[in-house]
Every structure is written in C-alpha cells, then in structure tokens.
C-alpha atoms as a PDB file:
ATOM      1  CA  UNK A   1      -6.841 111.329 -74.000  1.00  0.00           C
ATOM      2  CA  UNK A   2      -3.461 112.590 -72.861  1.00  0.00           C
ATOM      3  CA  UNK A   3      -2.149 113.567 -69.454  1.00  0.00           C
ATOM      4  CA  UNK A   4      -1.219 111.773 -66.265  1.00  0.00           C
ATOM      5  CA  UNK A   5      -3.828 109.488 -64.734  1.00  0.00           C
ATOM      6  CA  UNK A   6      -3.494 107.637 -61.452  1.00  0.00           C
ATOM      7  CA  UNK A   7      -5.394 104.787 -59.875  1.00  0.00           C
ATOM      8  CA  UNK A   8      -5.294 101.829 -57.542  1.00  0.00           C
ATOM      9  CA  UNK A   9      -6.878  98.620 -56.390  1.00  0.00           C
ATOM     10  CA  UNK A  10      -9.478  98.649 -53.612  1.00  0.00           C
ATOM     11  CA  UNK A  11      -6.996  98.155 -50.760  1.00  0.00           C
ATOM     12  CA  UNK A  12      -4.237 100.379 -52.161  1.00  0.00           C
ATOM     13  CA  UNK A  13      -1.582  97.656 -52.290  1.00  0.00           C
ATOM     14  CA  UNK A  14      -1.254  98.341 -56.034  1.00  0.00           C
ATOM     15  CA  UNK A  15      -1.106 101.914 -57.356  1.00  0.00           C
ATOM     16  CA  UNK A  16      -0.425 102.885 -60.938  1.00  0.00           C
ATOM     17  CA  UNK A  17       0.286 105.948 -63.048  1.00  0.00           C
ATOM     18  CA  UNK A  18      -0.545 106.104 -66.754  1.00  0.00           C
ATOM     19  CA  UNK A  19       1.455 108.938 -68.285  1.00  0.00           C
ATOM     20  CA  UNK A  20       0.608 108.403 -71.953  1.00  0.00           C
ATOM     21  CA  UNK A  21      -2.532 108.716 -74.040  1.00  0.00           C
ATOM     22  CA  UNK A  22      -5.501 106.568 -73.051  1.00  0.00           C
ATOM     23  CA  UNK A  23      -7.951 104.980 -75.475  1.00  0.00           C
ATOM     24  CA  UNK A  24     -11.683 105.430 -74.974  1.00  0.00           C
ATOM     25  CA  UNK A  25     -13.342 102.828 -72.773  1.00  0.00           C
ATOM     26  CA  UNK A  26     -14.183  99.539 -74.466  1.00  0.00           C
ATOM     27  CA  UNK A  27     -16.803  97.378 -72.786  1.00  0.00           C
ATOM     28  CA  UNK A  28     -16.049  93.669 -73.200  1.00  0.00           C
ATOM     29  CA  UNK A  29     -18.950  91.256 -72.770  1.00  0.00           C
ATOM     30  CA  UNK A  30     -17.028  88.000 -73.403  1.00  0.00           C
ATOM     31  CA  UNK A  31     -17.637  85.092 -71.047  1.00  0.00           C
ATOM     32  CA  UNK A  32     -14.154  85.341 -69.466  1.00  0.00           C
ATOM     33  CA  UNK A  33     -14.566  89.033 -68.588  1.00  0.00           C
ATOM     34  CA  UNK A  34     -18.057  88.407 -67.250  1.00  0.00           C
ATOM     35  CA  UNK A  35     -16.898  85.507 -65.085  1.00  0.00           C
ATOM     36  CA  UNK A  36     -13.902  87.365 -63.687  1.00  0.00           C
ATOM     37  CA  UNK A  37     -15.643  90.653 -62.955  1.00  0.00           C
ATOM     38  CA  UNK A  38     -19.204  89.528 -62.308  1.00  0.00           C
ATOM     39  CA  UNK A  39     -20.543  91.715 -65.112  1.00  0.00           C
ATOM     40  CA  UNK A  40     -18.440  93.004 -68.018  1.00  0.00           C
ATOM     41  CA  UNK A  41     -15.069  94.727 -68.381  1.00  0.00           C
ATOM     42  CA  UNK A  42     -14.819  98.458 -68.890  1.00  0.00           C
ATOM     43  CA  UNK A  43     -11.229  99.130 -69.914  1.00  0.00           C
ATOM     44  CA  UNK A  44      -9.023 101.708 -71.543  1.00  0.00           C
ATOM     45  CA  UNK A  45      -5.440 101.022 -72.530  1.00  0.00           C
ATOM     46  CA  UNK A  46      -2.036 102.654 -72.374  1.00  0.00           C
ATOM     47  CA  UNK A  47       1.377 101.842 -73.808  1.00  0.00           C
ATOM     48  CA  UNK A  48       3.189  99.522 -71.411  1.00  0.00           C
ATOM     49  CA  UNK A  49       6.148 101.942 -71.444  1.00  0.00           C
ATOM     50  CA  UNK A  50       3.814 104.684 -70.142  1.00  0.00           C
ATOM     51  CA  UNK A  51       2.475 102.643 -67.211  1.00  0.00           C
ATOM     52  CA  UNK A  52       4.301 102.623 -63.884  1.00  0.00           C
ATOM     53  CA  UNK A  53       3.136 100.401 -61.046  1.00  0.00           C
ATOM     54  CA  UNK A  54       3.843 100.702 -57.330  1.00  0.00           C
ATOM     55  CA  UNK A  55       3.298  97.436 -55.493  1.00  0.00           C
ATOM     56  CA  UNK A  56       3.722  95.305 -58.617  1.00  0.00           C
ATOM     57  CA  UNK A  57       4.683  92.403 -56.345  1.00  0.00           C
ATOM     58  CA  UNK A  58       1.069  92.401 -55.140  1.00  0.00           C
ATOM     59  CA  UNK A  59      -0.253  91.656 -58.636  1.00  0.00           C
ATOM     60  CA  UNK A  60      -1.174  88.095 -59.531  1.00  0.00           C
ATOM     61  CA  UNK A  61      -1.141  87.414 -63.268  1.00  0.00           C
ATOM     62  CA  UNK A  62      -3.476  84.709 -64.514  1.00  0.00           C
ATOM     63  CA  UNK A  63      -2.986  83.308 -68.036  1.00  0.00           C
ATOM     64  CA  UNK A  64      -6.633  82.800 -68.971  1.00  0.00           C
ATOM     65  CA  UNK A  65      -5.592  81.861 -72.526  1.00  0.00           C
ATOM     66  CA  UNK A  66      -2.505  81.185 -74.634  1.00  0.00           C
ATOM     67  CA  UNK A  67      -2.413  84.791 -75.889  1.00  0.00           C
ATOM     68  CA  UNK A  68      -3.232  87.014 -72.902  1.00  0.00           C
ATOM     69  CA  UNK A  69      -3.070  87.376 -69.145  1.00  0.00           C
ATOM     70  CA  UNK A  70      -5.192  89.132 -66.524  1.00  0.00           C
ATOM     71  CA  UNK A  71      -3.715  91.007 -63.564  1.00  0.00           C
ATOM     72  CA  UNK A  72      -5.432  91.451 -60.224  1.00  0.00           C
ATOM     73  CA  UNK A  73      -4.465  92.474 -56.694  1.00  0.00           C
ATOM     74  CA  UNK A  74      -3.445  89.427 -54.676  1.00  0.00           C
ATOM     75  CA  UNK A  75      -4.628  91.111 -51.472  1.00  0.00           C
ATOM     76  CA  UNK A  76      -8.107  92.449 -52.275  1.00  0.00           C
ATOM     77  CA  UNK A  77      -8.842  90.708 -55.597  1.00  0.00           C
ATOM     78  CA  UNK A  78      -9.441  93.900 -57.591  1.00  0.00           C
ATOM     79  CA  UNK A  79      -9.327  93.284 -61.334  1.00  0.00           C
ATOM     80  CA  UNK A  80      -6.802  95.770 -62.732  1.00  0.00           C
ATOM     81  CA  UNK A  81      -5.179  94.769 -66.036  1.00  0.00           C
ATOM     82  CA  UNK A  82      -5.519  92.707 -69.208  1.00  0.00           C
ATOM     83  CA  UNK A  83      -2.404  92.204 -71.373  1.00  0.00           C
ATOM     84  CA  UNK A  84      -2.139  90.595 -74.810  1.00  0.00           C
ATOM     85  CA  UNK A  85       1.196  88.729 -74.919  1.00  0.00           C
ATOM     86  CA  UNK A  86       2.191  90.208 -78.289  1.00  0.00           C
ATOM     87  CA  UNK A  87       1.036  93.807 -77.857  1.00  0.00           C
ATOM     88  CA  UNK A  88       2.841  96.821 -76.399  1.00  0.00           C
ATOM     89  CA  UNK A  89      -0.270  98.112 -74.610  1.00  0.00           C
ATOM     90  CA  UNK A  90      -1.885  97.169 -71.321  1.00  0.00           C
ATOM     91  CA  UNK A  91      -5.630  97.397 -70.791  1.00  0.00           C
ATOM     92  CA  UNK A  92      -6.450  99.074 -67.488  1.00  0.00           C
ATOM     93  CA  UNK A  93      -9.874  98.767 -65.872  1.00  0.00           C
ATOM     94  CA  UNK A  94     -11.629 102.119 -66.097  1.00  0.00           C
ATOM     95  CA  UNK A  95     -13.068 101.845 -62.582  1.00  0.00           C
ATOM     96  CA  UNK A  96      -9.586 101.630 -61.046  1.00  0.00           C
ATOM     97  CA  UNK A  97      -8.702 105.218 -62.031  1.00  0.00           C
ATOM     98  CA  UNK A  98      -8.909 108.054 -59.541  1.00  0.00           C
ATOM     99  CA  UNK A  99     -11.650 110.601 -60.230  1.00  0.00           C
ATOM    100  CA  UNK A 100     -12.104 112.590 -62.297  1.00  0.00           C
ATOM    101  CA  UNK A 101     -10.796 110.219 -64.948  1.00  0.00           C
ATOM    102  CA  UNK A 102     -12.098 112.068 -67.998  1.00  0.00           C
ATOM    103  CA  UNK A 103     -12.683 108.697 -69.682  1.00  0.00           C
ATOM    104  CA  UNK A 104     -15.514 108.240 -72.184  1.00  0.00           C
ATOM    105  CA  UNK A 105     -17.127 105.099 -73.574  1.00  0.00           C
ATOM    106  CA  UNK A 106     -16.030 104.074 -77.085  1.00  0.00           C
ATOM    107  CA  UNK A 107     -17.606 100.727 -78.007  1.00  0.00           C
ATOM    108  CA  UNK A 108     -18.847  97.296 -76.926  1.00  0.00           C
ATOM    109  CA  UNK A 109     -17.117  94.076 -77.996  1.00  0.00           C
ATOM    110  CA  UNK A 110     -18.179  90.410 -77.868  1.00  0.00           C
ATOM    111  CA  UNK A 111     -21.817  91.476 -77.636  1.00  0.00           C
ATOM    112  CA  UNK A 112     -22.843  88.035 -78.906  1.00  0.00           C
ATOM    113  CA  UNK A 113     -21.628  86.697 -75.512  1.00  0.00           C
ATOM    114  CA  UNK A 114     -23.266  89.342 -73.310  1.00  0.00           C
ATOM    115  CA  UNK A 115     -25.248  88.297 -70.266  1.00  0.00           C
ATOM    116  CA  UNK A 116     -28.959  87.735 -70.772  1.00  0.00           C
ATOM    117  CA  UNK A 117     -29.859  89.904 -67.771  1.00  0.00           C
ATOM    118  CA  UNK A 118     -29.036  93.329 -69.276  1.00  0.00           C
ATOM    119  CA  UNK A 119     -29.439  95.394 -72.423  1.00  0.00           C
ATOM    120  CA  UNK A 120     -26.895  97.544 -74.223  1.00  0.00           C
ATOM    121  CA  UNK A 121     -28.699 100.768 -75.019  1.00  0.00           C
ATOM    122  CA  UNK A 122     -26.130 103.561 -74.755  1.00  0.00           C
ATOM    123  CA  UNK A 123     -25.845 104.148 -78.520  1.00  0.00           C
ATOM    124  CA  UNK A 124     -22.148 103.217 -78.726  1.00  0.00           C
ATOM    125  CA  UNK A 125     -20.941 100.978 -81.588  1.00  0.00           C
ATOM    126  CA  UNK A 126     -21.400  97.261 -80.925  1.00  0.00           C
ATOM    127  CA  UNK A 127     -19.251  94.474 -82.371  1.00  0.00           C
ATOM    128  CA  UNK A 128     -20.128  90.792 -82.424  1.00  0.00           C
ATOM    129  CA  UNK A 129     -16.490  89.885 -81.715  1.00  0.00           C
ATOM    130  CA  UNK A 130     -14.011  92.766 -81.711  1.00  0.00           C
ATOM    131  CA  UNK A 131     -13.451  96.061 -83.469  1.00  0.00           C
ATOM    132  CA  UNK A 132     -11.458  96.116 -86.726  1.00  0.00           C
ATOM    133  CA  UNK A 133      -8.459  97.646 -84.903  1.00  0.00           C
ATOM    134  CA  UNK A 134      -8.567  96.031 -81.439  1.00  0.00           C
ATOM    135  CA  UNK A 135      -6.502  92.852 -81.100  1.00  0.00           C
ATOM    136  CA  UNK A 136      -8.098  90.494 -78.598  1.00  0.00           C
ATOM    137  CA  UNK A 137      -8.976  86.810 -78.300  1.00  0.00           C
ATOM    138  CA  UNK A 138      -6.070  85.549 -80.376  1.00  0.00           C
ATOM    139  CA  UNK A 139      -6.917  87.730 -83.389  1.00  0.00           C
END
C-alpha cells in the first residue's frame, strides 16, 4: 500500500510518517511479542529510508535478542517498532497509525507459540514459524 501514513504513540511524544509502501499486517504470536504487548503484535513494515520520526529521543530501544530490537515510547510505554539489525525495513505497529490506515491483515506467524486463551479464525495464512519471505527470529 503506497501513500503517506502518519501515526504516534499514546501520549504524542513520538510521531512518525511512513512515506513509502507498507506491507500488509502480519500478526506475530511469538512469546516475546505476547509478553511485550500483552497479546500479539500486529505490524506492517516500511523501508527505514521512508520512515521519519519526530521525537526520536523519546524512543527507548530494547535489544530483546542478538538480531533485533524493539522500540517503544519512554514516556507512555507504547510499543511502536521492531527492527531486524540486518534489514533495511522497520516494522511499525499497525495500531499506532492514524485512522483511516487502509491496512489489511496478511498472515499470522509463530502460531505454534500463540496464547492458549484465543483462537485464530480469520482465514488468513498461518505459519508455524515465519513466512518464506519474512526474515525474523534470526532466520
């Protein structure tokens, strides 16, 4: 999906503009995403060169693994970004975008790790680990 998309954290200390194409929303059910968000991640991504951030000094980056980091607002705690260290794209949480976002669900990953308190029944493709083209978890 092309166009300019804007968004922010809950308190507004971090605002961002994605000016390049966005991928469909991927729902990640891995244990790290569940623990950080309280449920599962719903994220699109954009080329890092197409993402501008106002208030970047308010972002805390947490290296949850050797291969990726997670960015959240240091003021309100909003989960905003996930970045693989070796990729040129940044995952952006779908819920952080201003409405209407125009985003659509694409797939579910790490379904083997999903919480036992919900079902996945939206008809989207499900992957035990990751999709064949999505580089996550040290792939």
